[in-house]
């Protein structure tokens, strides 16, 4: 399990360690060299060092590679490292196929100077393989922000733990593959983790000879009228594929024929029948709902007044409370609820929240007393207790209509199987990302659903 630390948290770990600073620098440099030797054949390498401890890491790397017989050229930016030459934008030549970026690390808090920005741009345009030490030069380690300009690394070798800048965009896109190396530093506790099966795999439902359709879980998806049919179909199929024994669509009688012709494995029941049925273990409401449909508000509140089960609110079920979010929050205060807003819906429900995506999601979970899944390229899952999980496996292809309906259905299905709401949300978000990796252009929401059994079966 990878915990994610801020700069201040990591500095606290360093200061509390019995390992001397110079020894940590030596270990960091050796860890990078170990990774380089395991990945690349011996080849000419350009090492770029800066004025701080990150630059000292680079000097250790250069010396160790030379000891191993590598051809090393060492260029220093505003530092006086022995055997190094000045790194300047004029006359800067990139001859080596491999570049080690050890200019600035996690302590950077100001935009890069103009001369260094020019060098960074030349490196990014070179097409060379770039390995960044700790974090790409120019990325804010706490926010993922580009500080004027930033190295686009192919590989980032960091130490002891993942930093926010590795997993929050645009830092995520600049970090390439992130490799975490152990240098003997004891990492302090953190409430923020990187999403992976290690967090929730043990709480997944497993089949046995005693399984039948109702003890495997019963999920219900609420229709919000004819205009929501496409979204509800996607959510229902996605819920089915995550493993519950039964899925029902709660709809009006005149809608049944529109569902039944294509959803052969789904039951169809009236709204009131669904919310009174104690066998129903999770309910989703909102997919396909329109912001202008005031009747949705009453349907949502009616659903939430029913039994003790997991609830997932998505899309229209969130947006209709734009100007009266306090009514929603009061209704869900003692319920087991997952809210799944994208940025626009989030702003309508939690207007004016400031900070990083992690800080905003955590604040929203506290305000609403619900689990919040703030959807985006770096989806963040936050609980009212302050626990946060950042997801970083989602490909860009998932940005397609219906993708969110599928995710909401997956969360609902997993809750129905018996997973707690937080684990179900984390699992669904991760699996959703894995399902999209097979495709580039041309992915549609139905493709995501088709991959769910394969991804789940591999866990």
Protein backbone atom coordinates (compact mmCIF):
# COMPACT_ATOMS: atom_id res chain seq x y z
CA UNK A 1 0.00 0.00 0.00
CA UNK A 2 1.42 3.39 -0.99
CA UNK A 3 0.76 6.25 1.38
CA UNK A 4 0.91 9.76 -0.08
CA UNK A 5 2.72 12.45 1.89
CA UNK A 6 2.98 16.21 1.67
CA UNK A 7 6.36 17.94 1.73
CA UNK A 8 5.91 18.93 5.38
CA UNK A 9 4.95 15.39 6.36
CA UNK A 10 7.98 13.97 4.57
CA UNK A 11 10.30 16.54 6.16
CA UNK A 12 8.93 15.53 9.56
CA UNK A 13 9.83 11.91 8.78
CA UNK A 14 13.35 12.95 7.80
CA UNK A 15 13.83 15.09 10.91
CA UNK A 16 12.60 12.30 13.17
CA UNK A 17 14.92 9.75 11.63
CA UNK A 18 18.13 8.57 13.27
CA UNK A 19 19.74 8.38 9.80
CA UNK A 20 22.05 11.32 9.08
CA UNK A 21 21.23 13.59 6.14
CA UNK A 22 24.38 12.69 4.22
CA UNK A 23 23.61 9.00 4.65
CA UNK A 24 20.08 9.52 3.30
CA UNK A 25 21.54 11.32 0.27
CA UNK A 26 23.99 8.46 -0.27
CA UNK A 27 21.19 5.89 -0.03
CA UNK A 28 18.97 7.87 -2.39
CA UNK A 29 21.67 8.09 -5.03
CA UNK A 30 22.44 4.38 -4.69
CA UNK A 31 18.72 3.52 -5.02
CA UNK A 32 18.48 5.46 -8.28
CA UNK A 33 21.58 3.78 -9.67
CA UNK A 34 20.20 0.37 -8.73
CA UNK A 35 17.06 1.16 -10.71
CA UNK A 36 19.03 2.48 -13.71
CA UNK A 37 21.28 -0.55 -13.88
CA UNK A 38 18.28 -2.90 -13.71
CA UNK A 39 16.49 -1.09 -16.54
CA UNK A 40 19.13 0.08 -19.00
CA UNK A 41 22.25 -1.27 -20.69
CA UNK A 42 25.45 0.64 -20.00
CA UNK A 43 25.28 3.83 -22.05
CA UNK A 44 26.37 7.50 -22.01
CA UNK A 45 24.33 9.49 -19.50
CA UNK A 46 23.88 13.18 -18.79
CA UNK A 47 23.33 14.05 -15.11
CA UNK A 48 21.85 17.47 -14.36
CA UNK A 49 22.27 18.73 -10.80
CA UNK A 50 20.80 21.67 -8.92
CA UNK A 51 21.88 23.62 -5.84
CA UNK A 52 20.05 21.67 -3.10
CA UNK A 53 19.91 18.14 -1.74
CA UNK A 54 18.37 16.91 -4.98
CA UNK A 55 21.54 18.08 -6.71
CA UNK A 56 23.60 16.19 -4.14
CA UNK A 57 21.60 13.05 -4.99
CA UNK A 58 22.62 13.64 -8.60
CA UNK A 59 26.31 13.95 -7.72
CA UNK A 60 26.16 10.60 -5.90
CA UNK A 61 24.45 9.06 -8.93
CA UNK A 62 27.12 10.40 -11.29
CA UNK A 63 29.97 9.04 -9.17
CA UNK A 64 28.40 5.61 -8.71
CA UNK A 65 27.68 5.27 -12.43
CA UNK A 66 31.28 6.19 -13.25
CA UNK A 67 32.45 3.55 -10.81
CA UNK A 68 30.39 1.05 -12.79
CA UNK A 69 32.02 2.08 -16.04
CA UNK A 70 29.29 4.33 -17.43
CA UNK A 71 30.22 7.39 -19.46
CA UNK A 72 28.88 10.33 -17.43
CA UNK A 73 28.69 14.04 -18.20
CA UNK A 74 27.79 16.18 -15.18
CA UNK A 75 26.23 19.63 -15.60
CA UNK A 76 25.39 21.80 -12.58
CA UNK A 77 22.80 24.55 -12.29
CA UNK A 78 23.86 27.20 -9.78
CA UNK A 79 25.89 24.71 -7.75
CA UNK A 80 29.56 23.95 -7.21
CA UNK A 81 29.63 20.18 -7.33
CA UNK A 82 33.16 18.87 -8.03
CA UNK A 83 33.78 17.61 -11.58
CA UNK A 84 30.66 19.37 -12.81
CA UNK A 85 30.36 21.97 -15.54
CA UNK A 86 27.97 24.92 -15.54
CA UNK A 87 24.49 24.20 -16.90
CA UNK A 88 23.51 27.15 -19.08
CA UNK A 89 20.84 27.50 -21.79
CA UNK A 90 23.25 28.92 -24.38
CA UNK A 91 25.24 26.19 -26.05
CA UNK A 92 23.36 23.48 -24.19
CA UNK A 93 23.84 20.27 -26.18
CA UNK A 94 22.02 17.01 -25.53
CA UNK A 95 24.22 14.21 -26.84
CA UNK A 96 23.49 11.36 -24.45
CA UNK A 97 20.46 9.05 -24.90
CA UNK A 98 19.73 9.06 -21.16
CA UNK A 99 19.20 12.16 -19.00
CA UNK A 100 19.06 12.21 -15.20
CA UNK A 101 17.07 15.17 -13.89
CA UNK A 102 18.34 15.98 -10.40
CA UNK A 103 17.95 19.77 -10.51
CA UNK A 104 15.09 20.50 -8.10
CA UNK A 105 13.19 18.09 -5.87
CA UNK A 106 10.14 18.18 -3.63
CA UNK A 107 11.11 21.46 -1.96
CA UNK A 108 10.43 23.64 -5.00
CA UNK A 109 7.82 26.31 -4.21
CA UNK A 110 8.47 29.05 -6.77
CA UNK A 111 8.41 29.24 -10.58
CA UNK A 112 11.57 28.24 -12.40
CA UNK A 113 13.89 31.03 -13.47
CA UNK A 114 13.83 31.97 -17.15
CA UNK A 115 17.21 30.38 -17.92
CA UNK A 116 16.20 27.06 -16.33
CA UNK A 117 12.82 27.14 -18.07
CA UNK A 118 14.66 27.38 -21.37
CA UNK A 119 16.78 24.35 -20.48
CA UNK A 120 13.68 22.38 -19.44
CA UNK A 121 11.99 23.15 -22.75
CA UNK A 122 15.05 21.93 -24.66
CA UNK A 123 15.08 18.68 -22.68
CA UNK A 124 11.36 18.08 -23.25
CA UNK A 125 11.78 18.66 -26.99
CA UNK A 126 14.81 16.37 -27.28
CA UNK A 127 13.05 13.02 -27.35
CA UNK A 128 15.65 11.61 -24.93
CA UNK A 129 14.70 9.22 -22.13
CA UNK A 130 14.49 11.26 -18.93
CA UNK A 131 14.71 9.92 -15.39
CA UNK A 132 13.74 12.40 -12.66
CA UNK A 133 15.07 12.04 -9.13
CA UNK A 134 12.30 12.28 -6.49
CA UNK A 135 10.02 14.48 -8.65
CA UNK A 136 10.37 16.15 -12.07
CA UNK A 137 12.02 19.56 -11.86
CA UNK A 138 9.32 22.24 -11.97
CA UNK A 139 6.48 20.24 -10.38
CA UNK A 140 5.03 21.40 -7.08
CA UNK A 141 5.15 18.30 -4.90
CA UNK A 142 2.04 19.21 -2.89
CA UNK A 143 -0.29 20.30 -5.69
CA UNK A 144 1.00 18.76 -8.93
CA UNK A 145 1.15 22.27 -10.38
CA UNK A 146 3.68 23.18 -13.09
CA UNK A 147 5.83 25.99 -11.70
CA UNK A 148 6.27 27.88 -14.96
CA UNK A 149 7.89 24.95 -16.77
CA UNK A 150 8.52 21.34 -15.82
CA UNK A 151 10.49 18.32 -16.98
CA UNK A 152 8.42 15.61 -18.67
CA UNK A 153 10.00 12.48 -17.25
CA UNK A 154 9.63 8.97 -18.59
CA UNK A 155 10.53 7.53 -15.19
CA UNK A 156 10.57 9.12 -11.74
CA UNK A 157 12.45 7.41 -8.93
CA UNK A 158 11.21 8.66 -5.58
CA UNK A 159 11.99 7.65 -2.03
CA UNK A 160 9.99 6.00 0.76
CA UNK A 161 6.54 7.10 -0.43
CA UNK A 162 4.50 8.66 -3.22
CA UNK A 163 4.10 12.46 -3.16
CA UNK A 164 0.96 14.34 -4.21
CA UNK A 165 2.74 15.81 -7.23
CA UNK A 166 3.20 12.32 -8.68
CA UNK A 167 -0.51 11.52 -8.78
CA UNK A 168 -2.34 14.85 -9.18
CA UNK A 169 -2.49 16.38 -12.66
CA UNK A 170 -0.58 17.88 -14.35
CA UNK A 171 2.24 16.47 -12.19
CA UNK A 172 0.97 12.98 -12.90
CA UNK A 173 1.48 13.48 -16.64
CA UNK A 174 5.00 14.82 -16.07
CA UNK A 175 6.12 12.00 -13.76
CA UNK A 176 5.87 9.07 -16.16
CA UNK A 177 6.27 5.73 -14.41
CA UNK A 178 6.78 6.32 -10.68
CA UNK A 179 9.10 3.91 -8.87
CA UNK A 180 9.21 4.10 -5.05
CA UNK A 181 12.52 3.01 -3.49
CA UNK A 182 13.05 2.13 0.16
CA UNK A 183 16.02 3.99 1.69
CA UNK A 184 15.38 2.91 5.28
CA UNK A 185 13.38 5.99 6.24
CA UNK A 186 10.38 5.21 8.43
CA UNK A 187 7.38 6.91 6.84
CA UNK A 188 4.98 8.64 9.22
CA UNK A 189 1.30 7.80 9.05
CA UNK A 190 -0.91 9.46 6.46
CA UNK A 191 -4.66 9.51 5.87
CA UNK A 192 -4.10 9.67 2.11
CA UNK A 193 -3.28 6.58 0.04
CA UNK A 194 -2.83 5.66 -3.60
CA UNK A 195 -5.69 3.47 -4.84
CA UNK A 196 -4.81 -0.17 -5.38
CA UNK A 197 -6.36 -3.60 -4.71
CA UNK A 198 -4.28 -3.88 -1.52
CA UNK A 199 -6.67 -1.38 0.09
CA UNK A 200 -9.96 -3.19 -0.54
CA UNK A 201 -9.40 -6.63 -2.08
CA UNK A 202 -9.99 -8.51 1.18
CA UNK A 203 -13.48 -7.02 1.56
CA UNK A 204 -14.66 -8.24 -1.85
CA UNK A 205 -17.44 -10.85 -1.85
CA UNK A 206 -16.47 -14.42 -2.68
CA UNK A 207 -18.79 -17.11 -4.04
CA UNK A 208 -19.47 -20.33 -2.16
CA UNK A 209 -21.73 -23.37 -2.52
CA UNK A 210 -24.20 -21.58 -0.21
CA UNK A 211 -24.59 -18.63 -2.60
CA UNK A 212 -27.99 -17.80 -4.05
CA UNK A 213 -29.30 -14.74 -5.83
CA UNK A 214 -30.47 -12.86 -2.77
CA UNK A 215 -27.60 -13.54 -0.37
CA UNK A 216 -25.25 -12.35 -3.13
CA UNK A 217 -26.88 -8.92 -2.89
CA UNK A 218 -29.75 -7.05 -4.50
CA UNK A 219 -29.12 -3.70 -6.21
CA UNK A 220 -31.79 -1.31 -7.46
CA UNK A 221 -31.40 1.47 -10.05
CA UNK A 222 -34.04 4.19 -10.07
CA UNK A 223 -35.34 5.46 -13.39
CA UNK A 224 -36.06 9.17 -13.58
CA UNK A 225 -38.28 9.04 -16.64
CA UNK A 226 -37.95 8.22 -20.31
CA UNK A 227 -35.02 10.59 -20.84
CA UNK A 228 -32.94 8.65 -18.30
CA UNK A 229 -33.38 5.23 -19.91
CA UNK A 230 -29.95 5.07 -21.59
CA UNK A 231 -28.12 6.04 -18.41
CA UNK A 232 -30.16 3.63 -16.29
CA UNK A 233 -29.51 0.77 -18.70
CA UNK A 234 -25.75 1.38 -18.50
CA UNK A 235 -25.80 1.60 -14.70
CA UNK A 236 -27.92 -1.58 -14.42
CA UNK A 237 -25.64 -3.62 -16.64
CA UNK A 238 -22.57 -2.34 -14.80
CA UNK A 239 -24.14 -3.24 -11.45
CA UNK A 240 -24.92 -6.75 -12.71
CA UNK A 241 -21.34 -7.28 -13.84
CA UNK A 242 -19.90 -6.47 -10.41
CA UNK A 243 -21.45 -9.54 -8.82
CA UNK A 244 -24.80 -9.04 -7.04
CA UNK A 245 -27.30 -11.85 -7.45
CA UNK A 246 -30.14 -9.54 -8.48
CA UNK A 247 -30.58 -6.11 -10.03
CA UNK A 248 -33.88 -4.32 -10.48
CA UNK A 249 -34.87 -1.12 -12.23
CA UNK A 250 -37.41 0.96 -10.35
CA UNK A 251 -39.58 2.54 -13.05
CA UNK A 252 -43.08 3.44 -14.18
CA UNK A 253 -45.19 0.73 -15.78
CA UNK A 254 -45.14 2.38 -19.20
CA UNK A 255 -41.33 2.33 -19.19
CA UNK A 256 -40.96 -1.43 -18.68
CA UNK A 257 -41.25 -2.29 -22.37
CA UNK A 258 -38.43 0.16 -23.14
CA UNK A 259 -36.09 -1.65 -20.74
CA UNK A 260 -37.20 -5.27 -21.07
CA UNK A 261 -36.31 -5.62 -24.75
CA UNK A 262 -32.59 -5.21 -24.00
CA UNK A 263 -32.06 -5.83 -20.25
CA UNK A 264 -32.99 -9.49 -20.03
CA UNK A 265 -31.29 -10.18 -16.67
CA UNK A 266 -32.88 -7.25 -14.84
CA UNK A 267 -36.19 -7.12 -12.97
CA UNK A 268 -38.63 -4.20 -13.22
CA UNK A 269 -40.61 -2.93 -10.26
CA UNK A 270 -42.43 0.19 -9.10
CA UNK A 271 -40.47 2.75 -7.06
CA UNK A 272 -42.54 2.23 -3.93
CA UNK A 273 -42.17 -1.54 -4.14
CA UNK A 274 -38.39 -1.21 -4.39
CA UNK A 275 -37.90 1.13 -1.46
CA UNK A 276 -40.16 -1.01 0.77
CA UNK A 277 -38.30 -4.22 -0.12
CA UNK A 278 -35.93 -5.05 2.73
CA UNK A 279 -34.02 -7.48 0.50
CA UNK A 280 -32.68 -4.52 -1.54
CA UNK A 281 -29.16 -3.86 -0.24
CA UNK A 282 -28.24 -0.81 -2.34
CA UNK A 283 -30.03 1.84 -4.39
CA UNK A 284 -28.73 4.18 -7.07
CA UNK A 285 -30.64 7.28 -8.08
CA UNK A 286 -29.66 10.10 -10.42
CA UNK A 287 -28.24 8.80 -13.73
CA UNK A 288 -29.89 10.58 -16.64
CA UNK A 289 -31.75 13.01 -14.40
CA UNK A 290 -32.10 16.56 -15.67
CA UNK A 291 -31.19 19.59 -13.58
CA UNK A 292 -34.43 21.32 -14.56
CA UNK A 293 -36.65 18.45 -13.33
CA UNK A 294 -37.76 19.59 -9.86
CA UNK A 295 -39.64 16.33 -9.27
CA UNK A 296 -36.31 14.52 -8.91
CA UNK A 297 -35.71 16.26 -5.59
CA UNK A 298 -38.78 14.66 -4.01
CA UNK A 299 -37.92 11.24 -5.47
CA UNK A 300 -34.41 11.41 -4.00
CA UNK A 301 -35.67 12.40 -0.56
CA UNK A 302 -38.33 9.70 -0.71
CA UNK A 303 -35.73 7.04 -1.55
CA UNK A 304 -33.44 8.22 1.26
CA UNK A 305 -36.26 7.87 3.79
CA UNK A 306 -36.40 4.11 3.18
CA UNK A 307 -34.45 1.35 4.97
CA UNK A 308 -30.90 0.84 6.20
CA UNK A 309 -28.94 0.15 3.03
CA UNK A 310 -26.24 1.75 0.91
CA UNK A 311 -27.24 4.66 -1.33
CA UNK A 312 -25.42 6.10 -4.34
CA UNK A 313 -26.43 9.55 -5.60
CA UNK A 314 -25.23 10.58 -9.04
CA UNK A 315 -25.81 13.26 -11.69
CA UNK A 316 -29.35 14.65 -11.47
CA UNK A 317 -29.78 13.51 -7.86
CA UNK A 318 -26.98 15.92 -6.96
CA UNK A 319 -27.59 18.85 -9.28
CA UNK A 320 -31.23 19.37 -8.25
CA UNK A 321 -29.98 20.39 -4.81
CA UNK A 322 -27.87 23.21 -6.25
CA UNK A 323 -29.52 25.94 -4.18
CA UNK A 324 -30.60 23.82 -1.24
CA UNK A 325 -27.77 21.42 -0.49
CA UNK A 326 -28.52 21.71 3.23
CA UNK A 327 -31.77 19.79 2.64
CA UNK A 328 -29.84 16.94 1.03
CA UNK A 329 -27.12 16.90 3.68
CA UNK A 330 -29.70 16.77 6.46
CA UNK A 331 -31.44 13.85 4.75
CA UNK A 332 -28.24 11.81 4.38
CA UNK A 333 -26.60 12.73 7.69
CA UNK A 334 -27.31 9.35 9.29
CA UNK A 335 -27.33 7.25 6.10
CA UNK A 336 -24.66 5.23 4.29
CA UNK A 337 -24.32 7.38 1.18
CA UNK A 338 -21.88 7.77 -1.71
CA UNK A 339 -21.98 10.98 -3.76
CA UNK A 340 -20.37 10.79 -7.22
CA UNK A 341 -20.06 14.32 -8.66
CA UNK A 342 -17.90 15.45 -11.54
CA UNK A 343 -16.38 18.93 -11.22
CA UNK A 344 -19.51 20.78 -12.40
CA UNK A 345 -21.85 18.89 -10.08
CA UNK A 346 -19.35 19.25 -7.24
CA UNK A 347 -19.29 23.03 -7.63
CA UNK A 348 -23.10 23.17 -7.60
CA UNK A 349 -23.29 21.11 -4.42
CA UNK A 350 -20.22 22.52 -2.64
CA UNK A 351 -19.80 26.04 -4.04
CA UNK A 352 -16.66 27.97 -3.25
CA UNK A 353 -14.50 25.20 -1.74
CA UNK A 354 -10.82 26.07 -2.26
CA UNK A 355 -7.60 24.06 -2.26
CA UNK A 356 -6.25 21.02 -4.03
CA UNK A 357 -8.56 18.31 -5.32
CA UNK A 358 -7.69 16.26 -2.22
CA UNK A 359 -8.46 19.12 0.17
CA UNK A 360 -11.75 19.93 -1.57
CA UNK A 361 -12.94 16.31 -1.62
CA UNK A 362 -12.05 15.85 2.05
CA UNK A 363 -13.89 19.04 3.01
CA UNK A 364 -16.96 17.99 1.00
CA UNK A 365 -17.08 14.60 2.73
CA UNK A 366 -16.98 16.33 6.10
CA UNK A 367 -19.69 18.84 5.15
CA UNK A 368 -22.05 16.22 3.72
CA UNK A 369 -21.19 13.37 6.12
CA UNK A 370 -21.03 11.14 3.04
CA UNK A 371 -18.39 9.42 0.98
CA UNK A 372 -17.49 11.73 -1.90
CA UNK A 373 -16.14 10.43 -5.20
CA UNK A 374 -14.85 13.54 -6.97
CA UNK A 375 -14.55 12.28 -10.53
CA UNK A 376 -11.85 13.42 -12.91
CA UNK A 377 -8.58 12.29 -14.42
CA UNK A 378 -7.32 11.95 -10.84
CA UNK A 379 -10.48 10.76 -9.11
CA UNK A 380 -10.41 11.28 -5.34
CA UNK A 381 -12.46 9.25 -2.86
CA UNK A 382 -12.92 10.85 0.56
CA UNK A 383 -14.71 9.73 3.73
CA UNK A 384 -16.26 11.86 6.50
CA UNK A 385 -13.63 10.45 8.88
CA UNK A 386 -10.88 12.12 6.85
CA UNK A 387 -9.59 9.12 4.94
CA UNK A 388 -8.68 9.90 1.31
CA UNK A 389 -7.71 7.68 -1.63
CA UNK A 390 -6.32 9.08 -4.89
CA UNK A 391 -6.80 7.07 -8.07
CA UNK A 392 -4.24 7.31 -10.87
CA UNK A 393 -4.92 4.46 -13.29
CA UNK A 394 -7.65 6.03 -15.43
CA UNK A 395 -6.85 6.46 -19.14
CA UNK A 396 -8.05 9.51 -21.06
CA UNK A 397 -10.35 7.28 -23.12
CA UNK A 398 -12.76 7.09 -20.16
CA UNK A 399 -13.83 10.67 -20.87
CA UNK A 400 -16.89 9.58 -22.82
CA UNK A 401 -20.64 9.89 -22.36
CA UNK A 402 -22.08 7.21 -20.09
CA UNK A 403 -18.78 6.48 -18.37
CA UNK A 404 -20.01 8.05 -15.13
CA UNK A 405 -23.27 6.07 -15.28
CA UNK A 406 -21.23 2.88 -15.52
CA UNK A 407 -19.11 3.88 -12.52
CA UNK A 408 -22.18 4.70 -10.42
CA UNK A 409 -23.67 1.31 -11.30
CA UNK A 410 -20.44 -0.45 -10.37
CA UNK A 411 -20.32 1.21 -6.96
CA UNK A 412 -23.96 0.28 -6.36
CA UNK A 413 -23.39 -3.32 -7.39
CA UNK A 414 -20.36 -3.73 -5.14
CA UNK A 415 -22.19 -2.25 -2.15
CA UNK A 416 -25.00 -4.72 -2.81
CA UNK A 417 -22.54 -7.62 -2.56
CA UNK A 418 -21.61 -6.57 0.98
CA UNK A 419 -18.58 -4.32 0.55
CA UNK A 420 -18.61 -1.25 2.78
CA UNK A 421 -19.33 1.96 0.88
CA UNK A 422 -15.79 3.37 0.99
CA UNK A 423 -14.13 0.16 -0.21
CA UNK A 424 -16.81 -0.28 -2.87
CA UNK A 425 -16.16 3.22 -4.20
CA UNK A 426 -12.38 2.70 -4.25
CA UNK A 427 -12.71 -0.73 -5.90
CA UNK A 428 -15.14 0.51 -8.55
CA UNK A 429 -13.00 3.51 -9.45
CA UNK A 430 -9.88 1.35 -9.82
CA UNK A 431 -11.64 -1.39 -11.83
CA UNK A 432 -13.29 1.28 -14.01
CA UNK A 433 -9.81 2.61 -14.84
CA UNK A 434 -8.44 -0.84 -15.64
CA UNK A 435 -11.41 -1.57 -17.90
CA UNK A 436 -10.59 1.46 -20.03
CA UNK A 437 -6.94 0.59 -20.61
CA UNK A 438 -7.65 -1.78 -23.48
CA UNK A 439 -8.85 1.09 -25.67
CA UNK A 440 -7.61 4.39 -27.00
CA UNK A 441 -9.91 6.13 -29.46
CA UNK A 442 -13.37 4.66 -29.94
CA UNK A 443 -14.09 3.55 -26.37
CA UNK A 444 -17.79 3.73 -25.48
CA UNK A 445 -19.46 3.12 -22.14
CA UNK A 446 -20.61 -0.38 -23.12
CA UNK A 447 -16.96 -1.35 -23.71
CA UNK A 448 -16.17 -0.58 -20.07
CA UNK A 449 -18.96 -2.90 -18.91
CA UNK A 450 -17.75 -5.72 -21.14
CA UNK A 451 -14.35 -5.69 -19.40
CA UNK A 452 -15.60 -5.75 -15.79
CA UNK A 453 -15.76 -9.57 -15.31
CA UNK A 454 -12.26 -10.04 -16.69
CA UNK A 455 -10.74 -7.36 -14.46
CA UNK A 456 -12.58 -8.57 -11.34
CA UNK A 457 -11.70 -12.20 -12.04
CA UNK A 458 -8.00 -11.32 -12.19
CA UNK A 459 -8.05 -9.96 -8.61
